[in-house]
Amino acid sequence: MQIPCSPILSNIVKHYLIIESSEHLFYRFFSDGNPGIVFRLGDPIYISNTLGDQTQASSFVYGQISNYLNLQVSSVKMLIVVLHPTAVPILFKIPASEMKDKTIALEDLIGSKGRTLEEQIASKSLASAISCVEHFLIEQKTAGKPSEEFINKLSEYISISAGSVSIEQLTRTFGISERQLERKFSTYIGISPKSFAETVKLQNFLKRLQKYAGEKNLGQLGYECGYYDQAHLNTRFKQKTGLAPSQYLSIKGKLSINLLPV
């Protein structure tokens, strides 16, 4: 279930997701281009990635993910705050690059405030829990700075272009050098502009796949989304998800576009 955020938070929060299921044990999660905050309301979550296996805290923050994560949980119940790509430095006062491919306990980032928020949420109804989270986010966010507004415009431009944009186009359109572009993306988003564009392109493909599955074949959809041919699509798709497009399409019971049972 997707829930909109309060207008006052619209510059840092995209929406909230309520995820609940007890039908599977293993899940695959891959990047949609947005960091997030997870509040676990059910059983413990174990995540496997290139850094090994980790038991997650009751609440944790995840940054930009290069590839995918494998989750193991017997009963999924989570409140996820899906953040805008540039939200990590605003909320946690650290470069977004420090969160790349990581999950960090909320308490480790903000101290006792994180533990207090966990305790508040644990005893609340869903609506009250979201209200607590919003109060916390309003306290955490800072006034936007010009550089943050600039990177917001850059990321929005890539999103509007559905990821089909070159570095040369970005530098020319925004009057910025490639080095400056890379540095801003590293600080505010956590990955390179090329990697971010690839993620946006994949998400565009997945949305079109949901809409046109059965009407158009994978190669045609891929070409419309900027992939040269089926082989190019398959390679990029597997890098990001660990699956072939046909495998993704066949999986039933997806909890969201980028969280699915495996």
C-alpha atoms as a PDB file:
ATOM      1  CA  MET A   1       0.000   0.000   0.000  1.00  0.00           C
ATOM      2  CA  GLN A   2       1.363   3.408  -1.005  1.00  0.00           C
ATOM      3  CA  ILE A   3       0.587   6.454   1.133  1.00  0.00           C
ATOM      4  CA  PRO A   4       1.402  10.066   0.180  1.00  0.00           C
ATOM      5  CA  CYS A   5       3.428  12.265   2.495  1.00  0.00           C
ATOM      6  CA  SER A   6       2.459  15.652   3.899  1.00  0.00           C
ATOM      7  CA  PRO A   7       3.116  18.533   1.465  1.00  0.00           C
ATOM      8  CA  ILE A   8       5.689  20.037   3.836  1.00  0.00           C
ATOM      9  CA  LEU A   9       7.869  16.945   3.281  1.00  0.00           C
ATOM     10  CA  SER A  10       7.391  16.651  -0.476  1.00  0.00           C
ATOM     11  CA  ASN A  11      10.946  17.846  -1.185  1.00  0.00           C
ATOM     12  CA  ILE A  12      12.494  14.908   0.683  1.00  0.00           C
ATOM     13  CA  VAL A  13       9.849  12.146   0.775  1.00  0.00           C
ATOM     14  CA  LYS A  14       8.303  10.520  -2.297  1.00  0.00           C
ATOM     15  CA  HIS A  15       5.786   8.379  -0.428  1.00  0.00           C
ATOM     16  CA  TYR A  16       5.386   5.733   2.256  1.00  0.00           C
ATOM     17  CA  LEU A  17       5.045   2.031   1.548  1.00  0.00           C
ATOM     18  CA  ILE A  18       3.345  -0.476   3.819  1.00  0.00           C
ATOM     19  CA  ILE A  19       4.669  -3.944   2.991  1.00  0.00           C
ATOM     20  CA  GLU A  20       3.092  -6.995   4.600  1.00  0.00           C
ATOM     21  CA  SER A  21       3.290 -10.679   3.643  1.00  0.00           C
ATOM     22  CA  SER A  22       3.830 -14.074   5.256  1.00  0.00           C
ATOM     23  CA  GLU A  23       3.788 -16.172   2.088  1.00  0.00           C
ATOM     24  CA  HIS A  24       7.513 -16.320   1.311  1.00  0.00           C
ATOM     25  CA  LEU A  25      10.880 -16.522   3.044  1.00  0.00           C
ATOM     26  CA  PHE A  26      13.307 -15.061   0.493  1.00  0.00           C
ATOM     27  CA  TYR A  27      12.993 -11.754  -1.359  1.00  0.00           C
ATOM     28  CA  ARG A  28      15.015  -9.776  -3.884  1.00  0.00           C
ATOM     29  CA  PHE A  29      15.326  -5.992  -3.540  1.00  0.00           C
ATOM     30  CA  PHE A  30      16.974  -3.735  -6.112  1.00  0.00           C
ATOM     31  CA  SER A  31      17.361  -0.002  -6.549  1.00  0.00           C
ATOM     32  CA  ASP A  32      14.646   2.297  -7.836  1.00  0.00           C
ATOM     33  CA  GLY A  33      17.031   5.275  -7.624  1.00  0.00           C
ATOM     34  CA  ASN A  34      15.807   6.331  -4.183  1.00  0.00           C
ATOM     35  CA  PRO A  35      17.278   5.837  -0.708  1.00  0.00           C
ATOM     36  CA  GLY A  36      14.906   5.028   2.125  1.00  0.00           C
ATOM     37  CA  ILE A  37      14.237   4.398   5.792  1.00  0.00           C
ATOM     38  CA  VAL A  38      12.804   1.039   6.870  1.00  0.00           C
ATOM     39  CA  PHE A  39      10.878   0.518  10.090  1.00  0.00           C
ATOM     40  CA  ARG A  40      10.503  -3.189  10.803  1.00  0.00           C
ATOM     41  CA  LEU A  41       7.142  -3.992  12.367  1.00  0.00           C
ATOM     42  CA  GLY A  42       7.408  -7.780  12.082  1.00  0.00           C
ATOM     43  CA  ASP A  43      10.075 -10.486  12.241  1.00  0.00           C
ATOM     44  CA  PRO A  44      13.847  -9.819  11.975  1.00  0.00           C
ATOM     45  CA  ILE A  45      15.224  -9.141   8.497  1.00  0.00           C
ATOM     46  CA  TYR A  46      18.470 -10.679   7.239  1.00  0.00           C
ATOM     47  CA  ILE A  47      20.133  -9.071   4.223  1.00  0.00           C
ATOM     48  CA  SER A  48      22.825 -10.637   2.044  1.00  0.00           C
ATOM     49  CA  ASN A  49      24.985  -8.522  -0.244  1.00  0.00           C
ATOM     50  CA  THR A  50      28.619  -8.191  -1.315  1.00  0.00           C
ATOM     51  CA  LEU A  51      29.519  -7.253   2.277  1.00  0.00           C
ATOM     52  CA  GLY A  52      28.118 -10.518   3.655  1.00  0.00           C
ATOM     53  CA  ASP A  53      25.057 -11.387   5.739  1.00  0.00           C
ATOM     54  CA  GLN A  54      23.658  -8.841   8.180  1.00  0.00           C
ATOM     55  CA  THR A  55      20.803  -8.893  10.663  1.00  0.00           C
ATOM     56  CA  GLN A  56      19.054  -5.545  10.329  1.00  0.00           C
ATOM     57  CA  ALA A  57      18.127  -3.247  13.187  1.00  0.00           C
ATOM     58  CA  SER A  58      14.481  -2.472  13.936  1.00  0.00           C
ATOM     59  CA  SER A  59      14.909   0.658  11.842  1.00  0.00           C
ATOM     60  CA  PHE A  60      17.598   1.284   9.260  1.00  0.00           C
ATOM     61  CA  VAL A  61      18.506   3.567   6.384  1.00  0.00           C
ATOM     62  CA  TYR A  62      19.584   2.289   2.977  1.00  0.00           C
ATOM     63  CA  GLY A  63      21.438   4.305   0.368  1.00  0.00           C
ATOM     64  CA  GLN A  64      21.816   3.896  -3.373  1.00  0.00           C
ATOM     65  CA  ILE A  65      22.230   0.227  -4.287  1.00  0.00           C
ATOM     66  CA  SER A  66      24.535  -0.707  -7.159  1.00  0.00           C
ATOM     67  CA  ASN A  67      23.076  -4.143  -7.791  1.00  0.00           C
ATOM     68  CA  TYR A  68      20.588  -5.945  -5.542  1.00  0.00           C
ATOM     69  CA  LEU A  69      20.041  -7.280  -2.030  1.00  0.00           C
ATOM     70  CA  ASN A  70      18.693 -10.650  -0.913  1.00  0.00           C
ATOM     71  CA  LEU A  71      16.353 -10.536   2.072  1.00  0.00           C
ATOM     72  CA  GLN A  72      15.375 -13.391   4.348  1.00  0.00           C
ATOM     73  CA  VAL A  73      12.403 -12.901   6.649  1.00  0.00           C
ATOM     74  CA  SER A  74       9.686 -15.280   7.825  1.00  0.00           C
ATOM     75  CA  SER A  75       6.953 -12.651   8.055  1.00  0.00           C
ATOM     76  CA  VAL A  76       7.319  -9.312   6.274  1.00  0.00           C
ATOM     77  CA  LYS A  77       5.797  -6.250   7.903  1.00  0.00           C
ATOM     78  CA  MET A  78       7.505  -2.958   7.155  1.00  0.00           C
ATOM     79  CA  LEU A  79       6.883   0.750   6.934  1.00  0.00           C
ATOM     80  CA  ILE A  80       9.231   2.159   4.298  1.00  0.00           C
ATOM     81  CA  VAL A  81       9.874   5.861   3.830  1.00  0.00           C
ATOM     82  CA  VAL A  82      10.841   6.192   0.164  1.00  0.00           C
ATOM     83  CA  LEU A  83      13.038   9.279  -0.013  1.00  0.00           C
ATOM     84  CA  HIS A  84      13.940  11.542  -2.895  1.00  0.00           C
ATOM     85  CA  PRO A  85      17.394  10.795  -4.375  1.00  0.00           C
ATOM     86  CA  THR A  86      18.970  13.852  -2.684  1.00  0.00           C
ATOM     87  CA  ALA A  87      17.442  13.398   0.797  1.00  0.00           C
ATOM     88  CA  VAL A  88      20.300  11.666   2.668  1.00  0.00           C
ATOM     89  CA  PRO A  89      22.550  14.745   3.118  1.00  0.00           C
ATOM     90  CA  ILE A  90      19.545  16.867   4.096  1.00  0.00           C
ATOM     91  CA  LEU A  91      18.314  14.465   6.779  1.00  0.00           C
ATOM     92  CA  PHE A  92      21.536  12.989   8.107  1.00  0.00           C
ATOM     93  CA  LYS A  93      24.182  15.639   7.316  1.00  0.00           C
ATOM     94  CA  ILE A  94      26.522  13.169   5.613  1.00  0.00           C
ATOM     95  CA  PRO A  95      27.572  12.815   1.959  1.00  0.00           C
ATOM     96  CA  ALA A  96      25.249  10.397   0.179  1.00  0.00           C
ATOM     97  CA  SER A  97      28.301   8.470  -1.053  1.00  0.00           C
ATOM     98  CA  GLU A  98      28.850   7.245   2.531  1.00  0.00           C
ATOM     99  CA  MET A  99      25.553   5.348   2.283  1.00  0.00           C
ATOM    100  CA  LYS A 100      26.229   3.710  -1.083  1.00  0.00           C
ATOM    101  CA  ASP A 101      25.524  -0.046  -0.971  1.00  0.00           C
ATOM    102  CA  LYS A 102      24.987   0.145   2.794  1.00  0.00           C
ATOM    103  CA  THR A 103      22.245  -0.288   5.341  1.00  0.00           C
ATOM    104  CA  ILE A 104      22.905   1.565   8.599  1.00  0.00           C
ATOM    105  CA  ALA A 105      20.843   1.435  11.789  1.00  0.00           C
ATOM    106  CA  LEU A 106      18.922   4.659  12.327  1.00  0.00           C
ATOM    107  CA  GLU A 107      20.254   4.814  15.885  1.00  0.00           C
ATOM    108  CA  ASP A 108      23.840   4.692  14.573  1.00  0.00           C
ATOM    109  CA  LEU A 109      23.126   7.727  12.392  1.00  0.00           C
ATOM    110  CA  ILE A 110      21.222   9.950  14.825  1.00  0.00           C
ATOM    111  CA  GLY A 111      21.748   8.403  18.263  1.00  0.00           C
ATOM    112  CA  SER A 112      19.021   8.123  20.886  1.00  0.00           C
ATOM    113  CA  LYS A 113      16.464   9.926  18.695  1.00  0.00           C
ATOM    114  CA  GLY A 114      16.420   6.845  16.482  1.00  0.00           C
ATOM    115  CA  ARG A 115      15.742   4.494  19.399  1.00  0.00           C
ATOM    116  CA  THR A 116      13.022   6.800  20.755  1.00  0.00           C
ATOM    117  CA  LEU A 117      11.298   6.858  17.372  1.00  0.00           C
ATOM    118  CA  GLU A 118      11.400   3.044  17.166  1.00  0.00           C
ATOM    119  CA  GLU A 119       9.752   2.781  20.588  1.00  0.00           C
ATOM    120  CA  GLN A 120       7.053   5.281  19.637  1.00  0.00           C
ATOM    121  CA  ILE A 121       6.208   3.476  16.405  1.00  0.00           C
ATOM    122  CA  ALA A 122       6.095   0.033  18.035  1.00  0.00           C
ATOM    123  CA  SER A 123       3.160   1.038  20.240  1.00  0.00           C
ATOM    124  CA  LYS A 124       1.170   3.008  17.653  1.00  0.00           C
ATOM    125  CA  SER A 125      -1.447   2.327  15.017  1.00  0.00           C
ATOM    126  CA  LEU A 126      -0.256   2.659  11.423  1.00  0.00           C
ATOM    127  CA  ALA A 127      -1.682   6.168  11.006  1.00  0.00           C
ATOM    128  CA  SER A 128      -0.123   7.301  14.294  1.00  0.00           C
ATOM    129  CA  ALA A 129       3.197   5.676  13.361  1.00  0.00           C
ATOM    130  CA  ILE A 130       3.321   7.659  10.111  1.00  0.00           C
ATOM    131  CA  SER A 131       2.486  10.817  12.056  1.00  0.00           C
ATOM    132  CA  CYS A 132       5.447  10.122  14.377  1.00  0.00           C
ATOM    133  CA  VAL A 133       7.726   9.555  11.382  1.00  0.00           C
ATOM    134  CA  GLU A 134       6.600  12.808   9.758  1.00  0.00           C
ATOM    135  CA  HIS A 135       7.240  14.779  12.948  1.00  0.00           C
ATOM    136  CA  PHE A 136      10.730  13.260  13.092  1.00  0.00           C
ATOM    137  CA  LEU A 137      11.455  14.060   9.425  1.00  0.00           C
ATOM    138  CA  ILE A 138      10.320  17.666   9.797  1.00  0.00           C
ATOM    139  CA  GLU A 139      12.718  18.076  12.718  1.00  0.00           C
ATOM    140  CA  GLN A 140      15.575  16.452  10.794  1.00  0.00           C
ATOM    141  CA  LYS A 141      15.374  18.333   7.526  1.00  0.00           C
ATOM    142  CA  THR A 142      17.218  21.581   6.960  1.00  0.00           C
ATOM    143  CA  ALA A 143      16.462  24.533   4.709  1.00  0.00           C
ATOM    144  CA  GLY A 144      17.438  23.763   1.120  1.00  0.00           C
ATOM    145  CA  LYS A 145      20.677  25.253  -0.142  1.00  0.00           C
ATOM    146  CA  PRO A 146      21.281  26.425  -3.743  1.00  0.00           C
ATOM    147  CA  SER A 147      23.500  23.432  -4.504  1.00  0.00           C
ATOM    148  CA  GLU A 148      20.740  21.082  -3.342  1.00  0.00           C
ATOM    149  CA  GLU A 149      18.207  22.825  -5.581  1.00  0.00           C
ATOM    150  CA  PHE A 150      20.652  22.521  -8.464  1.00  0.00           C
ATOM    151  CA  ILE A 151      21.140  18.775  -8.003  1.00  0.00           C
ATOM    152  CA  ASN A 152      17.364  18.370  -7.658  1.00  0.00           C
ATOM    153  CA  LYS A 153      16.961  19.961 -11.082  1.00  0.00           C
ATOM    154  CA  LEU A 154      19.637  17.656 -12.489  1.00  0.00           C
ATOM    155  CA  SER A 155      18.006  14.505 -11.109  1.00  0.00           C
ATOM    156  CA  GLU A 156      14.557  15.652 -12.265  1.00  0.00           C
ATOM    157  CA  TYR A 157      15.931  16.261 -15.765  1.00  0.00           C
ATOM    158  CA  ILE A 158      17.263  12.692 -15.870  1.00  0.00           C
ATOM    159  CA  SER A 159      13.926  11.350 -14.608  1.00  0.00           C
ATOM    160  CA  ILE A 160      11.929  13.330 -17.175  1.00  0.00           C
ATOM    161  CA  SER A 161      14.304  11.984 -19.848  1.00  0.00           C
ATOM    162  CA  ALA A 162      13.559   8.451 -18.554  1.00  0.00           C
ATOM    163  CA  GLY A 163      17.302   7.914 -18.122  1.00  0.00           C
ATOM    164  CA  SER A 164      18.049   8.315 -21.829  1.00  0.00           C
ATOM    165  CA  VAL A 165      20.454  11.215 -21.471  1.00  0.00           C
ATOM    166  CA  SER A 166      24.222  11.478 -21.903  1.00  0.00           C
ATOM    167  CA  ILE A 167      26.766  13.119 -19.624  1.00  0.00           C
ATOM    168  CA  GLU A 168      27.534  15.537 -22.461  1.00  0.00           C
ATOM    169  CA  GLN A 169      23.871  16.575 -22.607  1.00  0.00           C
ATOM    170  CA  LEU A 170      23.843  17.227 -18.862  1.00  0.00           C
ATOM    171  CA  THR A 171      27.026  19.303 -18.843  1.00  0.00           C
ATOM    172  CA  ARG A 172      25.867  21.336 -21.835  1.00  0.00           C
ATOM    173  CA  THR A 173      22.308  21.884 -20.569  1.00  0.00           C
ATOM    174  CA  PHE A 174      23.326  22.890 -17.042  1.00  0.00           C
ATOM    175  CA  GLY A 175      26.587  24.688 -17.836  1.00  0.00           C
ATOM    176  CA  ILE A 176      28.697  22.506 -15.570  1.00  0.00           C
ATOM    177  CA  SER A 177      31.914  20.562 -16.096  1.00  0.00           C
ATOM    178  CA  GLU A 178      31.924  16.762 -16.021  1.00  0.00           C
ATOM    179  CA  ARG A 179      34.111  16.822 -12.907  1.00  0.00           C
ATOM    180  CA  GLN A 180      31.688  19.143 -11.079  1.00  0.00           C
ATOM    181  CA  LEU A 181      28.778  16.974 -12.180  1.00  0.00           C
ATOM    182  CA  GLU A 182      30.402  13.819 -10.820  1.00  0.00           C
ATOM    183  CA  ARG A 183      31.250  15.520  -7.524  1.00  0.00           C
ATOM    184  CA  LYS A 184      27.730  16.846  -6.978  1.00  0.00           C
ATOM    185  CA  PHE A 185      26.175  13.468  -7.709  1.00  0.00           C
ATOM    186  CA  SER A 186      28.592  11.749  -5.335  1.00  0.00           C
ATOM    187  CA  THR A 187      27.808  14.203  -2.530  1.00  0.00           C
ATOM    188  CA  TYR A 188      24.053  14.538  -2.908  1.00  0.00           C
ATOM    189  CA  ILE A 189      22.911  11.285  -4.549  1.00  0.00           C
ATOM    190  CA  GLY A 190      25.755   8.873  -3.817  1.00  0.00           C
ATOM    191  CA  ILE A 191      26.429   7.434  -7.268  1.00  0.00           C
ATOM    192  CA  SER A 192      27.617   8.715 -10.630  1.00  0.00           C
ATOM    193  CA  PRO A 193      25.176  10.464 -12.985  1.00  0.00           C
ATOM    194  CA  LYS A 194      25.637   7.604 -15.452  1.00  0.00           C
ATOM    195  CA  SER A 195      24.676   5.003 -12.829  1.00  0.00           C
ATOM    196  CA  PHE A 196      21.699   7.072 -11.733  1.00  0.00           C
ATOM    197  CA  ALA A 197      20.508   7.410 -15.338  1.00  0.00           C
ATOM    198  CA  GLU A 198      20.828   3.630 -15.813  1.00  0.00           C
ATOM    199  CA  THR A 199      18.634   3.039 -12.757  1.00  0.00           C
ATOM    200  CA  VAL A 200      16.028   5.539 -13.977  1.00  0.00           C
ATOM    201  CA  LYS A 201      16.039   3.868 -17.395  1.00  0.00           C
ATOM    202  CA  LEU A 202      15.463   0.446 -15.834  1.00  0.00           C
ATOM    203  CA  GLN A 203      12.579   1.751 -13.718  1.00  0.00           C
ATOM    204  CA  ASN A 204      10.997   3.244 -16.821  1.00  0.00           C
ATOM    205  CA  PHE A 205      11.305  -0.131 -18.542  1.00  0.00           C
ATOM    206  CA  LEU A 206       9.699  -1.923 -15.571  1.00  0.00           C
ATOM    207  CA  LYS A 207       6.750   0.479 -15.519  1.00  0.00           C
ATOM    208  CA  ARG A 208       6.186   0.006 -19.237  1.00  0.00           C
ATOM    209  CA  LEU A 209       6.572  -3.748 -18.796  1.00  0.00           C
ATOM    210  CA  GLN A 210       3.774  -3.724 -16.223  1.00  0.00           C
ATOM    211  CA  LYS A 211       1.584  -1.676 -18.539  1.00  0.00           C
ATOM    212  CA  TYR A 212       2.241  -3.410 -21.858  1.00  0.00           C
ATOM    213  CA  ALA A 213       3.126  -7.015 -20.913  1.00  0.00           C
ATOM    214  CA  GLY A 214       1.303  -9.242 -23.381  1.00  0.00           C
ATOM    215  CA  GLU A 215       0.935  -6.442 -25.926  1.00  0.00           C
ATOM    216  CA  LYS A 216       4.605  -5.872 -26.758  1.00  0.00           C
ATOM    217  CA  ASN A 217       7.590  -8.215 -26.605  1.00  0.00           C
ATOM    218  CA  LEU A 218      10.587  -7.566 -24.362  1.00  0.00           C
ATOM    219  CA  GLY A 219      12.863  -6.523 -27.221  1.00  0.00           C
ATOM    220  CA  GLN A 220      10.388  -3.930 -28.476  1.00  0.00           C
ATOM    221  CA  LEU A 221       9.807  -2.502 -24.996  1.00  0.00           C
ATOM    222  CA  GLY A 222      13.541  -2.422 -24.348  1.00  0.00           C
ATOM    223  CA  TYR A 223      14.232  -0.551 -27.571  1.00  0.00           C
ATOM    224  CA  GLU A 224      11.529   2.016 -26.738  1.00  0.00           C
ATOM    225  CA  CYS A 225      13.256   2.567 -23.374  1.00  0.00           C
ATOM    226  CA  GLY A 226      16.723   3.138 -24.827  1.00  0.00           C
ATOM    227  CA  TYR A 227      18.234  -0.363 -24.911  1.00  0.00           C
ATOM    228  CA  TYR A 228      19.885  -1.120 -28.238  1.00  0.00           C
ATOM    229  CA  ASP A 229      18.676  -4.705 -28.493  1.00  0.00           C
ATOM    230  CA  GLN A 230      17.516  -7.687 -26.423  1.00  0.00           C
ATOM    231  CA  ALA A 231      21.086  -8.623 -25.453  1.00  0.00           C
ATOM    232  CA  HIS A 232      21.785  -5.103 -24.165  1.00  0.00           C
ATOM    233  CA  LEU A 233      18.549  -5.171 -22.149  1.00  0.00           C
ATOM    234  CA  ASN A 234      19.298  -8.610 -20.698  1.00  0.00           C
ATOM    235  CA  THR A 235      22.809  -7.604 -19.623  1.00  0.00           C
ATOM    236  CA  ARG A 236      21.776  -4.363 -17.915  1.00  0.00           C
ATOM    237  CA  PHE A 237      18.713  -5.950 -16.335  1.00  0.00           C
ATOM    238  CA  LYS A 238      20.676  -8.827 -14.837  1.00  0.00           C
ATOM    239  CA  GLN A 239      23.368  -6.486 -13.499  1.00  0.00           C
ATOM    240  CA  LYS A 240      20.763  -4.542 -11.535  1.00  0.00           C
ATOM    241  CA  THR A 241      18.380  -7.318 -10.478  1.00  0.00           C
ATOM    242  CA  GLY A 242      20.207 -10.638 -10.761  1.00  0.00           C
ATOM    243  CA  LEU A 243      17.355 -11.824 -12.992  1.00  0.00           C
ATOM    244  CA  ALA A 244      16.546 -12.006 -16.681  1.00  0.00           C
ATOM    245  CA  PRO A 245      13.595  -9.835 -17.787  1.00  0.00           C
ATOM    246  CA  SER A 246      11.560 -12.965 -18.558  1.00  0.00           C
ATOM    247  CA  GLN A 247      12.242 -14.305 -15.040  1.00  0.00           C
ATOM    248  CA  TYR A 248      11.113 -11.026 -13.489  1.00  0.00           C
ATOM    249  CA  LEU A 249       7.950 -11.059 -15.569  1.00  0.00           C
ATOM    250  CA  SER A 250       7.062 -14.601 -14.482  1.00  0.00           C
ATOM    251  CA  ILE A 251       7.361 -13.947 -10.725  1.00  0.00           C
ATOM    252  CA  LYS A 252       4.023 -13.696  -8.945  1.00  0.00           C
ATOM    253  CA  GLY A 253       3.285 -11.918  -5.683  1.00  0.00           C
ATOM    254  CA  LYS A 254       5.584  -8.917  -6.109  1.00  0.00           C
ATOM    255  CA  LEU A 255       5.365  -6.686  -3.030  1.00  0.00           C
ATOM    256  CA  SER A 256       6.465  -3.663  -5.071  1.00  0.00           C
ATOM    257  CA  ILE A 257       8.115  -3.047  -8.426  1.00  0.00           C
ATOM    258  CA  ASN A 258      11.555  -3.648  -6.873  1.00  0.00           C
ATOM    259  CA  LEU A 259      10.762  -6.073  -4.008  1.00  0.00           C
ATOM    260  CA  LEU A 260       9.769  -9.572  -5.038  1.00  0.00           C
ATOM    261  CA  PRO A 261       9.848 -13.182  -3.827  1.00  0.00           C
ATOM    262  CA  VAL A 262      12.584 -15.417  -5.224  1.00  0.00           C
END
